[in-house]
Every structure is written in structure tokens, then in C-alpha cells.
Amino acid sequence: MRITLIESGKTRDPFIKEGVELFRKRVVRYVPFKIETIPDLKNTRSMTMKEVQEQEGILLLKRIKPTDHMILLDERGKEFNSISFAEHLNSLEGRVNQLLFVIGGPYGFSESVYKRADARLSLSKLTFSHQLVRLLFMEQLYRAFTILKGEPYHHA
């Protein structure tokens, strides 16, 4: 199984960039993994929230293949604890060739993206910025692989 994290817009804060890169280097030891960034939209000040969602959705859906298994990181998604998230990842092994995790922009996803998604994942009942979600997700992805390998990173 290959995993790709697709994010909308560049990561701006240096501490988030550094943390994401730290965990990316760790994750690639376990699974083929990459991060793709959908470019920021231009002139969004003159657009409504729905128009921004739609335009970002169009750019995202152009990158998705019919065989890709797409999971949206979404506040209304299913919540897991770290162990059950690891088990869920493990359950996809052998059934999914390309697993995509998608972090939307500040306004979330368009209806067309929700319709295409295979699942939704929530990291918490709390709301986080789409920038911070990148770091939180990467840490949890790394944690999941250490759980599956029985490594000592996770102390629960």
C-alpha cells in the first residue's frame, strides 16, 4: 500500500513545516509515502466560501484516480483512538493500493469531494486550523506504524 497526504495550500509556519518533515522522514521507513500540495487559489477575497470550496474541489478531484481510496480529514469524520486507527490502517493493507488522506483548505470540502470520498476521519472533537492538522495527522500516522510494528513510541 502506498500513502499520499494531499493538502490544500502551502504550509506557512516554520514549526509546522519542520514537524511535518520530521514525521515524513519517519513514516517513509514503514511505507511508501509522499505529500502533495494543491496550490493556493488566487483572488479568493472576491469569492464566496462555497466558490472557494468548489474551486479547491475541482483541483483536488483532478488528482484522484478511480482506484484511489480517499479519506478526508474532516471534523464530522469517524474518530479513532491511536490503536484503533493503527488497526484500521492495517485492515486496508492488501485491499487498497493507493491510500489518500486529504486535508482541505480553511473552508473545508465541496459537496463533490464529499461524494467522492471513501471515508472521513476526525482527529478530535476540537477544531484545529487546516495548517495544524498537517502536523497532528503526521504524528498520528507515524504513531500508527509504530503500534503496528510493536515499537515503543506509543506508551498506552
C-alpha atoms as a PDB file:
ATOM      1  CA  MET A   1       0.000   0.000   0.000  1.00  0.00           C
ATOM      2  CA  ARG A   2       1.212   3.492  -0.845  1.00  0.00           C
ATOM      3  CA  ILE A   3       0.024   6.503   1.144  1.00  0.00           C
ATOM      4  CA  THR A   4      -0.245  10.100  -0.010  1.00  0.00           C
ATOM      5  CA  LEU A   5      -1.227  13.099   2.066  1.00  0.00           C
ATOM      6  CA  ILE A   6      -2.841  15.763  -0.092  1.00  0.00           C
ATOM      7  CA  GLU A   7      -3.031  19.222   1.430  1.00  0.00           C
ATOM      8  CA  SER A   8      -4.543  22.439   0.178  1.00  0.00           C
ATOM      9  CA  GLY A   9      -2.099  25.341   0.081  1.00  0.00           C
ATOM     10  CA  LYS A  10       1.449  25.652   1.331  1.00  0.00           C
ATOM     11  CA  THR A  11       2.393  25.142   4.950  1.00  0.00           C
ATOM     12  CA  ARG A  12       3.262  28.596   6.230  1.00  0.00           C
ATOM     13  CA  ASP A  13       4.512  28.251   9.810  1.00  0.00           C
ATOM     14  CA  PRO A  14       8.132  27.069  10.079  1.00  0.00           C
ATOM     15  CA  PHE A  15       7.440  24.956  13.176  1.00  0.00           C
ATOM     16  CA  ILE A  16       4.695  23.074  11.330  1.00  0.00           C
ATOM     17  CA  LYS A  17       6.927  22.542   8.277  1.00  0.00           C
ATOM     18  CA  GLU A  18       9.708  21.192  10.492  1.00  0.00           C
ATOM     19  CA  GLY A  19       7.387  18.873  12.388  1.00  0.00           C
ATOM     20  CA  VAL A  20       5.727  17.543   9.237  1.00  0.00           C
ATOM     21  CA  GLU A  21       9.132  16.876   7.686  1.00  0.00           C
ATOM     22  CA  LEU A  22      10.336  15.120  10.846  1.00  0.00           C
ATOM     23  CA  PHE A  23       7.387  12.726  10.792  1.00  0.00           C
ATOM     24  CA  ARG A  24       7.516  12.313   6.985  1.00  0.00           C
ATOM     25  CA  LYS A  25      11.088  11.034   7.315  1.00  0.00           C
ATOM     26  CA  ARG A  26       9.932   8.602   9.983  1.00  0.00           C
ATOM     27  CA  VAL A  27       6.855   7.380   8.087  1.00  0.00           C
ATOM     28  CA  VAL A  28       8.777   6.558   4.884  1.00  0.00           C
ATOM     29  CA  ARG A  29      10.665   3.889   6.857  1.00  0.00           C
ATOM     30  CA  TYR A  30       7.402   1.931   7.057  1.00  0.00           C
ATOM     31  CA  VAL A  31       5.504   2.638   3.858  1.00  0.00           C
ATOM     32  CA  PRO A  32       5.913   4.429   0.522  1.00  0.00           C
ATOM     33  CA  PHE A  33       4.652   7.887   1.449  1.00  0.00           C
ATOM     34  CA  LYS A  34       4.529  11.317  -0.137  1.00  0.00           C
ATOM     35  CA  ILE A  35       2.907  14.685   0.391  1.00  0.00           C
ATOM     36  CA  GLU A  36       1.244  16.574  -2.455  1.00  0.00           C
ATOM     37  CA  THR A  37       0.199  20.199  -2.154  1.00  0.00           C
ATOM     38  CA  ILE A  38      -2.622  21.711  -4.155  1.00  0.00           C
ATOM     39  CA  PRO A  39      -1.634  25.313  -4.929  1.00  0.00           C
ATOM     40  CA  ASP A  40      -3.374  28.163  -3.149  1.00  0.00           C
ATOM     41  CA  LEU A  41      -6.193  29.708  -5.137  1.00  0.00           C
ATOM     42  CA  LYS A  42      -5.690  33.261  -6.381  1.00  0.00           C
ATOM     43  CA  ASN A  43      -8.072  36.172  -5.739  1.00  0.00           C
ATOM     44  CA  THR A  44     -10.182  34.389  -3.148  1.00  0.00           C
ATOM     45  CA  ARG A  45     -11.201  37.648  -1.449  1.00  0.00           C
ATOM     46  CA  SER A  46     -13.770  38.184  -4.179  1.00  0.00           C
ATOM     47  CA  MET A  47     -15.103  34.621  -3.847  1.00  0.00           C
ATOM     48  CA  THR A  48     -17.697  33.180  -1.500  1.00  0.00           C
ATOM     49  CA  MET A  49     -16.816  30.323   0.827  1.00  0.00           C
ATOM     50  CA  LYS A  50     -18.753  27.924  -1.420  1.00  0.00           C
ATOM     51  CA  GLU A  51     -16.890  29.146  -4.521  1.00  0.00           C
ATOM     52  CA  VAL A  52     -13.546  28.570  -2.793  1.00  0.00           C
ATOM     53  CA  GLN A  53     -14.649  25.065  -1.770  1.00  0.00           C
ATOM     54  CA  GLU A  54     -15.762  24.306  -5.329  1.00  0.00           C
ATOM     55  CA  GLN A  55     -12.546  25.564  -6.931  1.00  0.00           C
ATOM     56  CA  GLU A  56     -10.361  23.667  -4.456  1.00  0.00           C
ATOM     57  CA  GLY A  57     -12.540  20.601  -5.040  1.00  0.00           C
ATOM     58  CA  ILE A  58     -12.006  20.769  -8.791  1.00  0.00           C
ATOM     59  CA  LEU A  59      -8.230  20.921  -8.317  1.00  0.00           C
ATOM     60  CA  LEU A  60      -8.309  18.042  -5.846  1.00  0.00           C
ATOM     61  CA  LEU A  61     -10.540  15.744  -7.882  1.00  0.00           C
ATOM     62  CA  LYS A  62      -8.264  16.143 -10.916  1.00  0.00           C
ATOM     63  CA  ARG A  63      -5.552  14.350  -8.899  1.00  0.00           C
ATOM     64  CA  ILE A  64      -7.686  11.420  -7.787  1.00  0.00           C
ATOM     65  CA  LYS A  65      -7.800   8.152  -9.716  1.00  0.00           C
ATOM     66  CA  PRO A  66     -10.911   5.953  -9.635  1.00  0.00           C
ATOM     67  CA  THR A  67      -8.984   3.206  -7.822  1.00  0.00           C
ATOM     68  CA  ASP A  68      -7.630   5.505  -5.104  1.00  0.00           C
ATOM     69  CA  HIS A  69      -9.059   5.082  -1.608  1.00  0.00           C
ATOM     70  CA  MET A  70      -9.655   8.624  -0.372  1.00  0.00           C
ATOM     71  CA  ILE A  71     -10.104   9.532   3.299  1.00  0.00           C
ATOM     72  CA  LEU A  72     -10.954  13.119   4.160  1.00  0.00           C
ATOM     73  CA  LEU A  73      -9.681  14.612   7.387  1.00  0.00           C
ATOM     74  CA  ASP A  74     -12.922  16.193   8.474  1.00  0.00           C
ATOM     75  CA  GLU A  75     -14.390  17.319  11.790  1.00  0.00           C
ATOM     76  CA  ARG A  76     -17.510  15.230  11.071  1.00  0.00           C
ATOM     77  CA  GLY A  77     -15.493  12.087  10.380  1.00  0.00           C
ATOM     78  CA  LYS A  78     -15.112   8.931  12.385  1.00  0.00           C
ATOM     79  CA  GLU A  79     -12.980   9.238  15.488  1.00  0.00           C
ATOM     80  CA  PHE A  80     -10.419   6.619  16.416  1.00  0.00           C
ATOM     81  CA  ASN A  81      -8.043   6.262  19.288  1.00  0.00           C
ATOM     82  CA  SER A  82      -4.438   5.681  18.225  1.00  0.00           C
ATOM     83  CA  ILE A  83      -4.648   1.905  18.477  1.00  0.00           C
ATOM     84  CA  SER A  84      -7.897   1.619  16.524  1.00  0.00           C
ATOM     85  CA  PHE A  85      -6.509   3.977  13.866  1.00  0.00           C
ATOM     86  CA  ALA A  86      -3.482   1.689  13.520  1.00  0.00           C
ATOM     87  CA  GLU A  87      -5.792  -1.321  13.247  1.00  0.00           C
ATOM     88  CA  HIS A  88      -7.851   0.474  10.603  1.00  0.00           C
ATOM     89  CA  LEU A  89      -4.711   1.203   8.564  1.00  0.00           C
ATOM     90  CA  ASN A  90      -3.710  -2.423   8.901  1.00  0.00           C
ATOM     91  CA  SER A  91      -7.151  -3.544   7.687  1.00  0.00           C
ATOM     92  CA  LEU A  92      -6.665  -1.563   4.470  1.00  0.00           C
ATOM     93  CA  GLU A  93      -3.362  -3.297   3.698  1.00  0.00           C
ATOM     94  CA  GLY A  94      -3.844  -5.702   0.812  1.00  0.00           C
ATOM     95  CA  ARG A  95      -7.240  -4.219  -0.082  1.00  0.00           C
ATOM     96  CA  VAL A  96      -6.054  -0.744  -1.069  1.00  0.00           C
ATOM     97  CA  ASN A  97      -3.172   0.028  -3.411  1.00  0.00           C
ATOM     98  CA  GLN A  98      -3.150   3.826  -3.095  1.00  0.00           C
ATOM     99  CA  LEU A  99      -4.464   5.397   0.119  1.00  0.00           C
ATOM    100  CA  LEU A 100      -5.038   9.144   0.088  1.00  0.00           C
ATOM    101  CA  PHE A 101      -5.565  11.281   3.154  1.00  0.00           C
ATOM    102  CA  VAL A 102      -6.833  14.735   2.253  1.00  0.00           C
ATOM    103  CA  ILE A 103      -6.682  17.935   4.284  1.00  0.00           C
ATOM    104  CA  GLY A 104      -8.894  20.636   2.837  1.00  0.00           C
ATOM    105  CA  GLY A 105      -8.466  24.368   2.915  1.00  0.00           C
ATOM    106  CA  PRO A 106      -9.768  26.705   5.611  1.00  0.00           C
ATOM    107  CA  TYR A 107     -13.371  26.322   4.385  1.00  0.00           C
ATOM    108  CA  GLY A 108     -13.357  22.541   4.159  1.00  0.00           C
ATOM    109  CA  PHE A 109     -14.551  20.438   1.238  1.00  0.00           C
ATOM    110  CA  SER A 110     -17.062  20.850  -1.561  1.00  0.00           C
ATOM    111  CA  GLU A 111     -20.018  18.503  -1.914  1.00  0.00           C
ATOM    112  CA  SER A 112     -18.368  16.864  -4.938  1.00  0.00           C
ATOM    113  CA  VAL A 113     -15.345  15.962  -2.808  1.00  0.00           C
ATOM    114  CA  TYR A 114     -17.558  14.565  -0.034  1.00  0.00           C
ATOM    115  CA  LYS A 115     -19.386  12.448  -2.618  1.00  0.00           C
ATOM    116  CA  ARG A 116     -16.123  11.008  -3.989  1.00  0.00           C
ATOM    117  CA  ALA A 117     -14.626  10.264  -0.570  1.00  0.00           C
ATOM    118  CA  ASP A 118     -14.483   6.685   0.646  1.00  0.00           C
ATOM    119  CA  ALA A 119     -14.358   7.712   4.303  1.00  0.00           C
ATOM    120  CA  ARG A 120     -13.920  10.620   6.711  1.00  0.00           C
ATOM    121  CA  LEU A 121     -11.550  10.751   9.654  1.00  0.00           C
ATOM    122  CA  SER A 122     -11.723  13.183  12.560  1.00  0.00           C
ATOM    123  CA  LEU A 123      -8.627  13.778  14.643  1.00  0.00           C
ATOM    124  CA  SER A 124     -10.625  15.270  17.506  1.00  0.00           C
ATOM    125  CA  LYS A 125     -13.878  16.886  18.507  1.00  0.00           C
ATOM    126  CA  LEU A 126     -11.815  20.045  18.846  1.00  0.00           C
ATOM    127  CA  THR A 127     -11.385  22.264  15.804  1.00  0.00           C
ATOM    128  CA  PHE A 128      -7.847  22.809  14.503  1.00  0.00           C
ATOM    129  CA  SER A 129      -6.558  25.033  11.721  1.00  0.00           C
ATOM    130  CA  HIS A 130      -6.003  23.205   8.442  1.00  0.00           C
ATOM    131  CA  GLN A 131      -2.304  24.041   8.877  1.00  0.00           C
ATOM    132  CA  LEU A 132      -2.016  22.451  12.326  1.00  0.00           C
ATOM    133  CA  VAL A 133      -3.962  19.369  11.223  1.00  0.00           C
ATOM    134  CA  ARG A 134      -1.000  18.521   8.969  1.00  0.00           C
ATOM    135  CA  LEU A 135       1.332  18.112  11.917  1.00  0.00           C
ATOM    136  CA  LEU A 136      -1.192  16.328  14.126  1.00  0.00           C
ATOM    137  CA  PHE A 137      -2.049  13.868  11.362  1.00  0.00           C
ATOM    138  CA  MET A 138       1.585  13.131  10.553  1.00  0.00           C
ATOM    139  CA  GLU A 139       2.329  12.361  14.192  1.00  0.00           C
ATOM    140  CA  GLN A 140      -0.656  10.020  14.383  1.00  0.00           C
ATOM    141  CA  LEU A 141       0.299   8.281  11.133  1.00  0.00           C
ATOM    142  CA  TYR A 142       3.789   7.677  12.483  1.00  0.00           C
ATOM    143  CA  ARG A 143       2.348   6.523  15.822  1.00  0.00           C
ATOM    144  CA  ALA A 144       0.079   4.061  13.992  1.00  0.00           C
ATOM    145  CA  PHE A 145       3.014   2.406  12.263  1.00  0.00           C
ATOM    146  CA  THR A 146       4.997   2.145  15.485  1.00  0.00           C
ATOM    147  CA  ILE A 147       1.969   0.489  17.102  1.00  0.00           C
ATOM    148  CA  LEU A 148       1.686  -1.994  14.229  1.00  0.00           C
ATOM    149  CA  LYS A 149       5.399  -2.814  14.471  1.00  0.00           C
ATOM    150  CA  GLY A 150       5.285  -3.117  18.267  1.00  0.00           C
ATOM    151  CA  GLU A 151       7.804  -0.321  18.703  1.00  0.00           C
ATOM    152  CA  PRO A 152       7.988   1.632  21.979  1.00  0.00           C
ATOM    153  CA  TYR A 153       6.954   5.099  20.682  1.00  0.00           C
ATOM    154  CA  HIS A 154       3.334   4.576  21.808  1.00  0.00           C
ATOM    155  CA  HIS A 155       3.053   4.150  25.586  1.00  0.00           C
ATOM    156  CA  ALA A 156      -0.551   3.282  26.296  1.00  0.00           C
END
